[in-house]
Amino acid sequence: MANPRLALAVTCGEPAGIGPDVTLTAWTRRDELELPTFYVRADPAFLRSRAGRLSLDVPIEEVTPETAALVFGQALPVVPTGPAIADHPGDPTPATGAAVIASIDACVEDVRTGRASAVVTNPIAKKVLYDAGFRHPGHTEYLGELATRFAPGPFLPVMLLAGPKLMVVPVTIHVPLAEVPRLLTADLLASTARIVHHDLVTRFGLERPRIAVCGLNPHAGEGGSMGTEDRDLIAPVLEVLKSEGLNVSGPWPADTLFHDAARATYDVVLGMYHDQVLIPVKTIGFDDTVNATLGLPFVRTSPDHGTAFAIAGTGAARCDSFAAAVRMAGALTSEGLTA
């Protein structure tokens, strides 16, 4: 378990988006929001510019990770990282890709070397990074590769979206919908469920987490009349998991799994593809849901929203989800988070 006395390492995220906005705003409300100590790895001059643009009184102090806690009460601690960044909110460019990646790499390395307790990532713009040569589907997959710095691996990073009323996990993540049936394998489903069970027990403090599993097809396949994956792939995997002692149920029709009465019967939902579970979790708790990556040898959390270019630099961005991500990271690296 990470040292809870260390600060959290926060990435800069996409500079043209709202990541810098919510970070700066959250720091100004650090006492009200009960935030643990964090520092940002970014270009200090860029953050000073964005704070001025937002009319926020945020002193920026350049620090090392070890000294962040000494200044957090009076200034936002920033560890200078990567190349200089021009402050152009709403105008993304591949030229900033190197700075974005450098910030992620450095934050993970800080945890690996015992200089930070966990990583909180701000939103990135995948298309911008792809244009800059980034070759990973998204944050989650890239962090799985960086995890091999800690141990040989391989690691299967699992995306958990956790809100106060609903927690969900997509088994397949950033892939086209047409590819889901091919990518959805018994091994992937079983491995994902085992990781979810393990991390909910060891990190979230759930003694025997109840895992509800969605079917892939409408009505969970309707006995094979609307697709056979639910009957022939998902159901047999669930029987294996039950024999291992996991508290799993399903496959359930996704359209009846997210109303109030249904949510009382489980702790987390495993969905077969991204939108199947991210639409309900963001609908129910958009402003306070956190993206946490399970299956890694370090704690990583993130706001559940994107870059929101249209409102970047305007002061309209809410910092609720970022603040929730910081609090969760702090809780998961101290005595664990009890649901």
C-alpha atoms as a PDB file:
ATOM      1  CA  MET A   1       0.000   0.000   0.000  1.00  0.00           C
ATOM      2  CA  ALA A   2       1.232   3.497  -0.809  1.00  0.00           C
ATOM      3  CA  ASN A   3       2.445   5.837   1.905  1.00  0.00           C
ATOM      4  CA  PRO A   4      -0.541   8.031   2.875  1.00  0.00           C
ATOM      5  CA  ARG A   5       1.790  10.811   4.047  1.00  0.00           C
ATOM      6  CA  LEU A   6       2.971  11.398   0.478  1.00  0.00           C
ATOM      7  CA  ALA A   7       1.198  13.836  -1.818  1.00  0.00           C
ATOM      8  CA  LEU A   8      -0.872  12.757  -4.808  1.00  0.00           C
ATOM      9  CA  ALA A   9       0.621  13.306  -8.263  1.00  0.00           C
ATOM     10  CA  VAL A  10      -1.766  15.074 -10.680  1.00  0.00           C
ATOM     11  CA  THR A  11      -1.177  15.117 -14.438  1.00  0.00           C
ATOM     12  CA  CYS A  12      -1.656  18.247 -16.508  1.00  0.00           C
ATOM     13  CA  GLY A  13      -4.040  16.566 -18.970  1.00  0.00           C
ATOM     14  CA  GLU A  14      -4.908  18.152 -22.316  1.00  0.00           C
ATOM     15  CA  PRO A  15      -3.793  21.810 -22.010  1.00  0.00           C
ATOM     16  CA  ALA A  16      -6.571  23.107 -24.268  1.00  0.00           C
ATOM     17  CA  GLY A  17      -9.230  21.417 -22.169  1.00  0.00           C
ATOM     18  CA  ILE A  18     -10.721  21.927 -18.714  1.00  0.00           C
ATOM     19  CA  GLY A  19      -8.236  19.804 -16.783  1.00  0.00           C
ATOM     20  CA  PRO A  20      -6.154  22.835 -15.785  1.00  0.00           C
ATOM     21  CA  ASP A  21      -9.352  24.760 -14.958  1.00  0.00           C
ATOM     22  CA  VAL A  22     -10.752  22.170 -12.556  1.00  0.00           C
ATOM     23  CA  THR A  23      -7.358  21.621 -10.935  1.00  0.00           C
ATOM     24  CA  LEU A  24      -6.879  25.314 -10.242  1.00  0.00           C
ATOM     25  CA  THR A  25     -10.463  25.768  -9.079  1.00  0.00           C
ATOM     26  CA  ALA A  26     -10.292  22.759  -6.773  1.00  0.00           C
ATOM     27  CA  TRP A  27      -7.152  24.101  -5.126  1.00  0.00           C
ATOM     28  CA  THR A  28      -8.924  27.384  -4.304  1.00  0.00           C
ATOM     29  CA  ARG A  29     -11.643  25.307  -2.578  1.00  0.00           C
ATOM     30  CA  ARG A  30      -9.260  22.763  -1.028  1.00  0.00           C
ATOM     31  CA  ASP A  31     -10.517  23.237   2.542  1.00  0.00           C
ATOM     32  CA  GLU A  32     -14.204  23.275   1.631  1.00  0.00           C
ATOM     33  CA  LEU A  33     -13.778  20.163  -0.527  1.00  0.00           C
ATOM     34  CA  GLU A  34     -11.588  18.442   2.071  1.00  0.00           C
ATOM     35  CA  LEU A  35      -8.871  17.629  -0.426  1.00  0.00           C
ATOM     36  CA  PRO A  36      -5.708  15.736   0.474  1.00  0.00           C
ATOM     37  CA  THR A  37      -2.386  17.235  -0.584  1.00  0.00           C
ATOM     38  CA  PHE A  38      -1.556  17.042  -4.272  1.00  0.00           C
ATOM     39  CA  TYR A  39       0.894  18.532  -6.722  1.00  0.00           C
ATOM     40  CA  VAL A  40       0.728  18.965 -10.483  1.00  0.00           C
ATOM     41  CA  ARG A  41       3.374  17.922 -12.994  1.00  0.00           C
ATOM     42  CA  ALA A  42       3.140  20.575 -15.710  1.00  0.00           C
ATOM     43  CA  ASP A  43       4.580  23.806 -17.056  1.00  0.00           C
ATOM     44  CA  PRO A  44       4.262  26.332 -14.199  1.00  0.00           C
ATOM     45  CA  ALA A  45       4.050  29.310 -16.568  1.00  0.00           C
ATOM     46  CA  PHE A  46       1.133  27.685 -18.361  1.00  0.00           C
ATOM     47  CA  LEU A  47      -0.785  27.181 -15.121  1.00  0.00           C
ATOM     48  CA  ARG A  48      -0.105  30.770 -14.076  1.00  0.00           C
ATOM     49  CA  SER A  49      -1.504  31.936 -17.404  1.00  0.00           C
ATOM     50  CA  ARG A  50      -4.632  29.799 -17.099  1.00  0.00           C
ATOM     51  CA  ALA A  51      -5.224  30.965 -13.520  1.00  0.00           C
ATOM     52  CA  GLY A  52      -5.035  34.566 -14.705  1.00  0.00           C
ATOM     53  CA  ARG A  53      -7.409  33.865 -17.561  1.00  0.00           C
ATOM     54  CA  LEU A  54      -9.878  32.406 -15.056  1.00  0.00           C
ATOM     55  CA  SER A  55      -9.370  35.301 -12.607  1.00  0.00           C
ATOM     56  CA  LEU A  56      -8.349  32.816  -9.925  1.00  0.00           C
ATOM     57  CA  ASP A  57      -5.978  33.820  -7.151  1.00  0.00           C
ATOM     58  CA  VAL A  58      -3.731  30.768  -7.274  1.00  0.00           C
ATOM     59  CA  PRO A  59      -0.093  31.266  -6.318  1.00  0.00           C
ATOM     60  CA  ILE A  60       2.046  28.718  -8.164  1.00  0.00           C
ATOM     61  CA  GLU A  61       5.115  27.426  -6.363  1.00  0.00           C
ATOM     62  CA  GLU A  62       7.673  25.183  -8.025  1.00  0.00           C
ATOM     63  CA  VAL A  63       8.490  22.213  -5.809  1.00  0.00           C
ATOM     64  CA  THR A  64       9.770  18.670  -5.769  1.00  0.00           C
ATOM     65  CA  PRO A  65       7.285  15.903  -4.979  1.00  0.00           C
ATOM     66  CA  GLU A  66       8.764  15.551  -1.510  1.00  0.00           C
ATOM     67  CA  THR A  67       8.187  19.226  -0.630  1.00  0.00           C
ATOM     68  CA  ALA A  68       4.663  19.599  -2.024  1.00  0.00           C
ATOM     69  CA  ALA A  69       3.006  19.165   1.369  1.00  0.00           C
ATOM     70  CA  LEU A  70       4.997  22.060   2.794  1.00  0.00           C
ATOM     71  CA  VAL A  71       3.412  24.616   0.460  1.00  0.00           C
ATOM     72  CA  PHE A  72      -0.004  23.139  -0.373  1.00  0.00           C
ATOM     73  CA  GLY A  73      -1.809  25.317   2.144  1.00  0.00           C
ATOM     74  CA  GLN A  74      -0.454  28.544   0.648  1.00  0.00           C
ATOM     75  CA  ALA A  75       0.224  27.750  -3.020  1.00  0.00           C
ATOM     76  CA  LEU A  76      -0.486  25.142  -5.675  1.00  0.00           C
ATOM     77  CA  PRO A  77       2.614  22.934  -5.768  1.00  0.00           C
ATOM     78  CA  VAL A  78       3.858  22.349  -9.322  1.00  0.00           C
ATOM     79  CA  VAL A  79       6.740  20.120 -10.358  1.00  0.00           C
ATOM     80  CA  PRO A  80       8.047  21.529 -13.672  1.00  0.00           C
ATOM     81  CA  THR A  81       7.652  18.756 -16.246  1.00  0.00           C
ATOM     82  CA  GLY A  82       7.881  18.569 -20.028  1.00  0.00           C
ATOM     83  CA  PRO A  83       8.204  21.350 -22.584  1.00  0.00           C
ATOM     84  CA  ALA A  84       6.622  24.795 -22.313  1.00  0.00           C
ATOM     85  CA  ILE A  85       2.914  24.979 -23.122  1.00  0.00           C
ATOM     86  CA  ALA A  86       1.099  27.904 -24.742  1.00  0.00           C
ATOM     87  CA  ASP A  87      -2.228  28.730 -23.130  1.00  0.00           C
ATOM     88  CA  HIS A  88      -4.833  28.364 -25.882  1.00  0.00           C
ATOM     89  CA  PRO A  89      -8.006  26.951 -24.309  1.00  0.00           C
ATOM     90  CA  GLY A  90     -10.363  25.294 -26.757  1.00  0.00           C
ATOM     91  CA  ASP A  91      -7.680  25.094 -29.450  1.00  0.00           C
ATOM     92  CA  PRO A  92      -5.996  21.676 -29.182  1.00  0.00           C
ATOM     93  CA  THR A  93      -2.816  20.965 -31.106  1.00  0.00           C
ATOM     94  CA  PRO A  94      -0.589  17.869 -31.433  1.00  0.00           C
ATOM     95  CA  ALA A  95       2.338  20.120 -30.467  1.00  0.00           C
ATOM     96  CA  THR A  96       1.357  19.684 -26.800  1.00  0.00           C
ATOM     97  CA  GLY A  97       1.353  15.885 -27.017  1.00  0.00           C
ATOM     98  CA  ALA A  98       4.886  15.533 -25.651  1.00  0.00           C
ATOM     99  CA  ALA A  99       4.010  17.579 -22.567  1.00  0.00           C
ATOM    100  CA  VAL A 100       0.874  15.540 -21.900  1.00  0.00           C
ATOM    101  CA  ILE A 101       2.716  12.218 -22.123  1.00  0.00           C
ATOM    102  CA  ALA A 102       5.670  13.514 -20.089  1.00  0.00           C
ATOM    103  CA  SER A 103       3.310  14.458 -17.266  1.00  0.00           C
ATOM    104  CA  ILE A 104       1.665  11.019 -17.189  1.00  0.00           C
ATOM    105  CA  ASP A 105       5.012   9.223 -17.312  1.00  0.00           C
ATOM    106  CA  ALA A 106       6.505  11.352 -14.547  1.00  0.00           C
ATOM    107  CA  CYS A 107       3.521  10.963 -12.207  1.00  0.00           C
ATOM    108  CA  VAL A 108       3.595   7.182 -12.530  1.00  0.00           C
ATOM    109  CA  GLU A 109       7.349   7.202 -11.980  1.00  0.00           C
ATOM    110  CA  ASP A 110       6.870   9.307  -8.844  1.00  0.00           C
ATOM    111  CA  VAL A 111       4.651   6.584  -7.388  1.00  0.00           C
ATOM    112  CA  ARG A 112       7.036   3.836  -8.436  1.00  0.00           C
ATOM    113  CA  THR A 113       9.972   5.549  -6.736  1.00  0.00           C
ATOM    114  CA  GLY A 114       8.069   6.363  -3.568  1.00  0.00           C
ATOM    115  CA  ARG A 115       7.769  10.111  -4.158  1.00  0.00           C
ATOM    116  CA  ALA A 116       3.951  10.147  -4.484  1.00  0.00           C
ATOM    117  CA  SER A 117       1.152   7.997  -3.119  1.00  0.00           C
ATOM    118  CA  ALA A 118      -1.110   7.756  -6.185  1.00  0.00           C
ATOM    119  CA  VAL A 119      -1.819   9.232  -9.610  1.00  0.00           C
ATOM    120  CA  VAL A 120      -4.791  11.441 -10.486  1.00  0.00           C
ATOM    121  CA  THR A 121      -5.054  12.009 -14.227  1.00  0.00           C
ATOM    122  CA  ASN A 122      -6.741  14.935 -15.909  1.00  0.00           C
ATOM    123  CA  PRO A 123      -8.638  14.311 -19.165  1.00  0.00           C
ATOM    124  CA  ILE A 124      -6.684  13.834 -22.376  1.00  0.00           C
ATOM    125  CA  ALA A 125      -7.795  14.299 -25.985  1.00  0.00           C
ATOM    126  CA  LYS A 126      -7.142  10.982 -27.690  1.00  0.00           C
ATOM    127  CA  LYS A 127      -7.337  12.326 -31.250  1.00  0.00           C
ATOM    128  CA  VAL A 128      -4.791  15.025 -30.434  1.00  0.00           C
ATOM    129  CA  LEU A 129      -2.414  12.465 -28.992  1.00  0.00           C
ATOM    130  CA  TYR A 130      -2.973  10.093 -31.922  1.00  0.00           C
ATOM    131  CA  ASP A 131      -1.951  12.908 -34.260  1.00  0.00           C
ATOM    132  CA  ALA A 132       1.184  13.357 -32.128  1.00  0.00           C
ATOM    133  CA  GLY A 133       2.090   9.672 -32.526  1.00  0.00           C
ATOM    134  CA  PHE A 134       0.405   8.158 -29.437  1.00  0.00           C
ATOM    135  CA  ARG A 135      -0.375   4.508 -30.143  1.00  0.00           C
ATOM    136  CA  HIS A 136      -2.599   3.452 -27.245  1.00  0.00           C
ATOM    137  CA  PRO A 137      -6.418   3.436 -27.272  1.00  0.00           C
ATOM    138  CA  GLY A 138      -6.578   5.609 -24.166  1.00  0.00           C
ATOM    139  CA  HIS A 139      -5.317   6.429 -20.694  1.00  0.00           C
ATOM    140  CA  THR A 140      -6.329   3.096 -19.207  1.00  0.00           C
ATOM    141  CA  GLU A 141      -4.430   0.983 -21.716  1.00  0.00           C
ATOM    142  CA  TYR A 142      -1.332   3.199 -21.529  1.00  0.00           C
ATOM    143  CA  LEU A 143      -1.250   2.915 -17.748  1.00  0.00           C
ATOM    144  CA  GLY A 144      -1.313  -0.856 -18.144  1.00  0.00           C
ATOM    145  CA  GLU A 145       1.934  -0.590 -20.098  1.00  0.00           C
ATOM    146  CA  LEU A 146       3.498   1.794 -17.577  1.00  0.00           C
ATOM    147  CA  ALA A 147       2.639  -0.684 -14.818  1.00  0.00           C
ATOM    148  CA  THR A 148       5.378  -2.980 -16.145  1.00  0.00           C
ATOM    149  CA  ARG A 149       7.838  -0.533 -14.564  1.00  0.00           C
ATOM    150  CA  PHE A 150       6.683  -1.906 -11.208  1.00  0.00           C
ATOM    151  CA  ALA A 151       6.683  -5.613 -12.082  1.00  0.00           C
ATOM    152  CA  PRO A 152       7.014  -7.745 -15.235  1.00  0.00           C
ATOM    153  CA  GLY A 153       3.259  -8.132 -15.683  1.00  0.00           C
ATOM    154  CA  PRO A 154       1.371  -8.379 -17.945  1.00  0.00           C
ATOM    155  CA  PHE A 155      -1.341  -6.261 -16.380  1.00  0.00           C
ATOM    156  CA  LEU A 156      -4.982  -6.064 -17.356  1.00  0.00           C
ATOM    157  CA  PRO A 157      -6.139  -2.535 -16.494  1.00  0.00           C
ATOM    158  CA  VAL A 158      -9.832  -2.461 -15.647  1.00  0.00           C
ATOM    159  CA  MET A 159     -11.887   0.737 -15.837  1.00  0.00           C
ATOM    160  CA  LEU A 160     -14.160   1.273 -12.838  1.00  0.00           C
ATOM    161  CA  LEU A 161     -16.574   4.221 -12.877  1.00  0.00           C
ATOM    162  CA  ALA A 162     -17.557   4.796  -9.260  1.00  0.00           C
ATOM    163  CA  GLY A 163     -20.256   7.199  -8.145  1.00  0.00           C
ATOM    164  CA  PRO A 164     -22.237   7.527  -4.928  1.00  0.00           C
ATOM    165  CA  LYS A 165     -25.186   5.632  -6.426  1.00  0.00           C
ATOM    166  CA  LEU A 166     -23.630   3.304  -8.988  1.00  0.00           C
ATOM    167  CA  MET A 167     -20.343   1.556  -9.827  1.00  0.00           C
ATOM    168  CA  VAL A 168     -19.778   0.012 -13.257  1.00  0.00           C
ATOM    169  CA  VAL A 169     -17.028  -1.711 -15.246  1.00  0.00           C
ATOM    170  CA  PRO A 170     -16.955  -2.140 -19.045  1.00  0.00           C
ATOM    171  CA  VAL A 171     -15.281  -5.415 -20.028  1.00  0.00           C
ATOM    172  CA  THR A 172     -14.287  -4.050 -23.432  1.00  0.00           C
ATOM    173  CA  ILE A 173     -13.358  -0.394 -23.379  1.00  0.00           C
ATOM    174  CA  HIS A 174     -12.175   1.922 -26.166  1.00  0.00           C
ATOM    175  CA  VAL A 175     -13.057  -0.200 -29.183  1.00  0.00           C
ATOM    176  CA  PRO A 176     -15.604   0.144 -31.991  1.00  0.00           C
ATOM    177  CA  LEU A 177     -18.948  -1.435 -31.183  1.00  0.00           C
ATOM    178  CA  ALA A 178     -18.621  -3.719 -34.228  1.00  0.00           C
ATOM    179  CA  GLU A 179     -15.496  -5.270 -32.671  1.00  0.00           C
ATOM    180  CA  VAL A 180     -17.033  -6.100 -29.296  1.00  0.00           C
ATOM    181  CA  PRO A 181     -18.355  -9.626 -30.076  1.00  0.00           C
ATOM    182  CA  ARG A 182     -14.949 -10.665 -31.401  1.00  0.00           C
ATOM    183  CA  LEU A 183     -12.993  -9.183 -28.507  1.00  0.00           C
ATOM    184  CA  LEU A 184     -15.339 -10.449 -25.803  1.00  0.00           C
ATOM    185  CA  THR A 185     -13.777 -13.756 -24.752  1.00  0.00           C
ATOM    186  CA  ALA A 186     -14.295 -16.062 -21.805  1.00  0.00           C
ATOM    187  CA  ASP A 187     -10.783 -15.315 -20.572  1.00  0.00           C
ATOM    188  CA  LEU A 188     -11.271 -11.543 -20.750  1.00  0.00           C
ATOM    189  CA  LEU A 189     -14.612 -11.695 -18.920  1.00  0.00           C
ATOM    190  CA  ALA A 190     -13.313 -14.027 -16.215  1.00  0.00           C
ATOM    191  CA  SER A 191     -10.086 -12.063 -15.697  1.00  0.00           C
ATOM    192  CA  THR A 192     -11.981  -8.768 -15.466  1.00  0.00           C
ATOM    193  CA  ALA A 193     -14.419 -10.156 -12.900  1.00  0.00           C
ATOM    194  CA  ARG A 194     -11.586 -11.565 -10.779  1.00  0.00           C
ATOM    195  CA  ILE A 195      -9.743  -8.231 -10.789  1.00  0.00           C
ATOM    196  CA  VAL A 196     -12.928  -6.369  -9.858  1.00  0.00           C
ATOM    197  CA  HIS A 197     -13.599  -8.773  -7.007  1.00  0.00           C
ATOM    198  CA  HIS A 198     -10.005  -8.574  -5.727  1.00  0.00           C
ATOM    199  CA  ASP A 199      -9.731  -4.780  -5.803  1.00  0.00           C
ATOM    200  CA  LEU A 200     -13.167  -4.146  -4.329  1.00  0.00           C
ATOM    201  CA  VAL A 201     -12.143  -6.356  -1.416  1.00  0.00           C
ATOM    202  CA  THR A 202      -8.578  -5.119  -0.920  1.00  0.00           C
ATOM    203  CA  ARG A 203      -8.945  -1.435  -1.831  1.00  0.00           C
ATOM    204  CA  PHE A 204     -12.615  -0.574  -1.350  1.00  0.00           C
ATOM    205  CA  GLY A 205     -13.204  -2.641   1.769  1.00  0.00           C
ATOM    206  CA  LEU A 206     -16.140  -4.706   0.475  1.00  0.00           C
ATOM    207  CA  GLU A 207     -16.052  -8.092   2.180  1.00  0.00           C
ATOM    208  CA  ARG A 208     -17.869 -10.011  -0.583  1.00  0.00           C
ATOM    209  CA  PRO A 209     -18.769  -7.678  -3.444  1.00  0.00           C
ATOM    210  CA  ARG A 210     -21.957  -8.430  -5.355  1.00  0.00           C
ATOM    211  CA  ILE A 211     -21.164  -8.346  -9.077  1.00  0.00           C
ATOM    212  CA  ALA A 212     -24.081  -8.125 -11.531  1.00  0.00           C
ATOM    213  CA  VAL A 213     -23.179  -8.984 -15.110  1.00  0.00           C
ATOM    214  CA  CYS A 214     -24.973  -7.569 -18.153  1.00  0.00           C
ATOM    215  CA  GLY A 215     -25.793  -9.622 -21.171  1.00  0.00           C
ATOM    216  CA  LEU A 216     -24.360  -8.561 -24.511  1.00  0.00           C
ATOM    217  CA  ASN A 217     -27.568  -8.680 -26.518  1.00  0.00           C
ATOM    218  CA  PRO A 218     -31.036  -7.190 -25.969  1.00  0.00           C
ATOM    219  CA  HIS A 219     -32.911  -9.130 -23.282  1.00  0.00           C
ATOM    220  CA  ALA A 220     -29.625 -10.984 -22.587  1.00  0.00           C
ATOM    221  CA  GLY A 221     -30.136 -12.882 -25.820  1.00  0.00           C
ATOM    222  CA  GLU A 222     -33.694 -14.088 -25.095  1.00  0.00           C
ATOM    223  CA  GLY A 223     -32.581 -17.716 -24.823  1.00  0.00           C
ATOM    224  CA  GLY A 224     -30.474 -17.492 -27.974  1.00  0.00           C
ATOM    225  CA  SER A 225     -33.102 -15.941 -30.219  1.00  0.00           C
ATOM    226  CA  MET A 226     -31.344 -12.535 -30.132  1.00  0.00           C
ATOM    227  CA  GLY A 227     -27.765 -13.782 -30.137  1.00  0.00           C
ATOM    228  CA  THR A 228     -26.019 -16.700 -28.533  1.00  0.00           C
ATOM    229  CA  GLU A 229     -23.159 -14.983 -26.687  1.00  0.00           C
ATOM    230  CA  ASP A 230     -25.132 -14.605 -23.458  1.00  0.00           C
ATOM    231  CA  ARG A 231     -26.063 -18.284 -23.335  1.00  0.00           C
ATOM    232  CA  ASP A 232     -22.901 -19.828 -24.765  1.00  0.00           C
ATOM    233  CA  LEU A 233     -20.159 -17.473 -23.540  1.00  0.00           C
ATOM    234  CA  ILE A 234     -21.210 -15.328 -20.590  1.00  0.00           C
ATOM    235  CA  ALA A 235     -23.355 -17.777 -18.609  1.00  0.00           C
ATOM    236  CA  PRO A 236     -20.695 -20.554 -18.515  1.00  0.00           C
ATOM    237  CA  VAL A 237     -18.049 -18.085 -17.324  1.00  0.00           C
ATOM    238  CA  LEU A 238     -20.316 -16.977 -14.489  1.00  0.00           C
ATOM    239  CA  GLU A 239     -20.716 -20.590 -13.376  1.00  0.00           C
ATOM    240  CA  VAL A 240     -16.929 -20.955 -13.216  1.00  0.00           C
ATOM    241  CA  LEU A 241     -16.632 -17.749 -11.198  1.00  0.00           C
ATOM    242  CA  LYS A 242     -19.328 -18.896  -8.787  1.00  0.00           C
ATOM    243  CA  SER A 243     -17.417 -22.140  -8.245  1.00  0.00           C
ATOM    244  CA  GLU A 244     -14.412 -19.986  -7.262  1.00  0.00           C
ATOM    245  CA  GLY A 245     -16.480 -18.218  -4.618  1.00  0.00           C
ATOM    246  CA  LEU A 246     -17.202 -14.959  -6.451  1.00  0.00           C
ATOM    247  CA  ASN A 247     -20.615 -13.442  -5.782  1.00  0.00           C
ATOM    248  CA  VAL A 248     -21.666 -12.946  -9.411  1.00  0.00           C
ATOM    249  CA  SER A 249     -25.099 -12.984 -11.022  1.00  0.00           C
ATOM    250  CA  GLY A 250     -26.453 -12.736 -14.543  1.00  0.00           C
ATOM    251  CA  PRO A 251     -26.331 -12.342 -17.411  1.00  0.00           C
ATOM    252  CA  TRP A 252     -29.018  -9.687 -16.915  1.00  0.00           C
ATOM    253  CA  PRO A 253     -30.791  -7.594 -19.545  1.00  0.00           C
ATOM    254  CA  ALA A 254     -29.059  -4.213 -19.366  1.00  0.00           C
ATOM    255  CA  ASP A 255     -32.292  -2.270 -19.812  1.00  0.00           C
ATOM    256  CA  THR A 256     -33.663  -3.422 -16.431  1.00  0.00           C
ATOM    257  CA  LEU A 257     -30.461  -3.268 -14.374  1.00  0.00           C
ATOM    258  CA  PHE A 258     -30.082   0.404 -13.477  1.00  0.00           C
ATOM    259  CA  HIS A 259     -33.332   1.531 -11.824  1.00  0.00           C
ATOM    260  CA  ASP A 260     -33.425   2.192  -8.080  1.00  0.00           C
ATOM    261  CA  ALA A 261     -34.700  -1.209  -6.949  1.00  0.00           C
ATOM    262  CA  ALA A 262     -32.229  -3.100  -9.142  1.00  0.00           C
ATOM    263  CA  ARG A 263     -29.252  -1.047  -7.903  1.00  0.00           C
ATOM    264  CA  ALA A 264     -30.015  -2.146  -4.348  1.00  0.00           C
ATOM    265  CA  THR A 265     -29.210  -5.760  -5.274  1.00  0.00           C
ATOM    266  CA  TYR A 266     -25.564  -5.352  -6.301  1.00  0.00           C
ATOM    267  CA  ASP A 267     -22.356  -3.376  -5.640  1.00  0.00           C
ATOM    268  CA  VAL A 268     -21.024  -3.146  -9.184  1.00  0.00           C
ATOM    269  CA  VAL A 269     -22.158  -3.916 -12.723  1.00  0.00           C
ATOM    270  CA  LEU A 270     -19.966  -5.530 -15.365  1.00  0.00           C
ATOM    271  CA  GLY A 271     -21.067  -4.439 -18.823  1.00  0.00           C
ATOM    272  CA  MET A 272     -19.882  -5.916 -22.076  1.00  0.00           C
ATOM    273  CA  TYR A 273     -19.028  -2.637 -23.818  1.00  0.00           C
ATOM    274  CA  HIS A 274     -18.278   0.999 -23.043  1.00  0.00           C
ATOM    275  CA  ASP A 275     -21.586   2.795 -23.536  1.00  0.00           C
ATOM    276  CA  GLN A 276     -23.674  -0.020 -22.059  1.00  0.00           C
ATOM    277  CA  VAL A 277     -22.542   1.019 -18.575  1.00  0.00           C
ATOM    278  CA  LEU A 278     -21.024   4.485 -18.980  1.00  0.00           C
ATOM    279  CA  ILE A 279     -24.302   6.011 -20.159  1.00  0.00           C
ATOM    280  CA  PRO A 280     -26.213   5.032 -16.989  1.00  0.00           C
ATOM    281  CA  VAL A 281     -23.392   5.860 -14.568  1.00  0.00           C
ATOM    282  CA  LYS A 282     -22.883   9.315 -16.069  1.00  0.00           C
ATOM    283  CA  THR A 283     -26.617   9.938 -16.234  1.00  0.00           C
ATOM    284  CA  ILE A 284     -27.065   9.062 -12.573  1.00  0.00           C
ATOM    285  CA  GLY A 285     -23.987  10.836 -11.217  1.00  0.00           C
ATOM    286  CA  PHE A 286     -22.171  12.900 -13.842  1.00  0.00           C
ATOM    287  CA  ASP A 287     -20.668  15.505 -11.507  1.00  0.00           C
ATOM    288  CA  ASP A 288     -19.359  13.224  -8.773  1.00  0.00           C
ATOM    289  CA  THR A 289     -18.408   9.979 -10.499  1.00  0.00           C
ATOM    290  CA  VAL A 290     -14.753   8.925 -10.529  1.00  0.00           C
ATOM    291  CA  ASN A 291     -12.831   6.827 -13.020  1.00  0.00           C
ATOM    292  CA  ALA A 292     -10.555   4.440 -11.092  1.00  0.00           C
ATOM    293  CA  THR A 293      -8.278   1.916 -12.756  1.00  0.00           C
ATOM    294  CA  LEU A 294      -8.257  -1.524 -11.151  1.00  0.00           C
ATOM    295  CA  GLY A 295      -5.720  -4.265 -11.776  1.00  0.00           C
ATOM    296  CA  LEU A 296      -2.644  -2.026 -11.491  1.00  0.00           C
ATOM    297  CA  PRO A 297       0.135  -2.080  -8.874  1.00  0.00           C
ATOM    298  CA  PHE A 298      -0.636   1.563  -8.074  1.00  0.00           C
ATOM    299  CA  VAL A 299      -3.739   3.667  -7.473  1.00  0.00           C
ATOM    300  CA  ARG A 300      -4.993   5.810 -10.343  1.00  0.00           C
ATOM    301  CA  THR A 301      -8.159   7.875 -10.372  1.00  0.00           C
ATOM    302  CA  SER A 302      -9.522  10.457 -12.784  1.00  0.00           C
ATOM    303  CA  PRO A 303     -12.570  12.664 -13.323  1.00  0.00           C
ATOM    304  CA  ASP A 304     -15.235  10.883 -15.365  1.00  0.00           C
ATOM    305  CA  HIS A 305     -15.594  13.731 -17.883  1.00  0.00           C
ATOM    306  CA  GLY A 306     -13.633  14.723 -20.963  1.00  0.00           C
ATOM    307  CA  THR A 307     -11.764  17.799 -22.103  1.00  0.00           C
ATOM    308  CA  ALA A 308     -14.855  19.970 -22.759  1.00  0.00           C
ATOM    309  CA  PHE A 309     -13.042  22.273 -25.185  1.00  0.00           C
ATOM    310  CA  ALA A 310     -16.111  24.479 -25.597  1.00  0.00           C
ATOM    311  CA  ILE A 311     -15.917  25.758 -22.017  1.00  0.00           C
ATOM    312  CA  ALA A 312     -12.165  25.564 -21.379  1.00  0.00           C
ATOM    313  CA  GLY A 313     -10.789  28.828 -20.071  1.00  0.00           C
ATOM    314  CA  THR A 314     -14.247  30.316 -19.486  1.00  0.00           C
ATOM    315  CA  GLY A 315     -14.674  29.506 -15.796  1.00  0.00           C
ATOM    316  CA  ALA A 316     -17.773  27.412 -16.472  1.00  0.00           C
ATOM    317  CA  ALA A 317     -16.191  24.033 -15.691  1.00  0.00           C
ATOM    318  CA  ARG A 318     -17.225  22.399 -12.416  1.00  0.00           C
ATOM    319  CA  CYS A 319     -14.500  20.783 -10.335  1.00  0.00           C
ATOM    320  CA  ASP A 320     -16.745  18.268  -8.532  1.00  0.00           C
ATOM    321  CA  SER A 321     -15.564  15.151 -10.358  1.00  0.00           C
ATOM    322  CA  PHE A 322     -11.899  16.163 -10.129  1.00  0.00           C
ATOM    323  CA  ALA A 323     -12.291  16.784  -6.406  1.00  0.00           C
ATOM    324  CA  ALA A 324     -14.005  13.411  -5.985  1.00  0.00           C
ATOM    325  CA  ALA A 325     -11.120  11.748  -7.852  1.00  0.00           C
ATOM    326  CA  VAL A 326      -8.577  13.397  -5.557  1.00  0.00           C
ATOM    327  CA  ARG A 327     -10.507  12.376  -2.435  1.00  0.00           C
ATOM    328  CA  MET A 328     -10.862   8.804  -3.648  1.00  0.00           C
ATOM    329  CA  ALA A 329      -7.160   8.539  -4.462  1.00  0.00           C
ATOM    330  CA  GLY A 330      -6.368   9.805  -0.993  1.00  0.00           C
ATOM    331  CA  ALA A 331      -8.760   7.339   0.621  1.00  0.00           C
ATOM    332  CA  LEU A 332      -7.501   4.369  -1.401  1.00  0.00           C
ATOM    333  CA  THR A 333      -3.912   5.057  -0.365  1.00  0.00           C
ATOM    334  CA  SER A 334      -4.609   5.500   3.322  1.00  0.00           C
ATOM    335  CA  GLU A 335      -6.834   3.071   5.157  1.00  0.00           C
ATOM    336  CA  GLY A 336      -8.937   2.029   2.192  1.00  0.00           C
ATOM    337  CA  LEU A 337     -12.301   3.285   1.030  1.00  0.00           C
ATOM    338  CA  THR A 338     -15.388   1.771   2.628  1.00  0.00           C
ATOM    339  CA  ALA A 339     -18.512   1.861   0.487  1.00  0.00           C
END
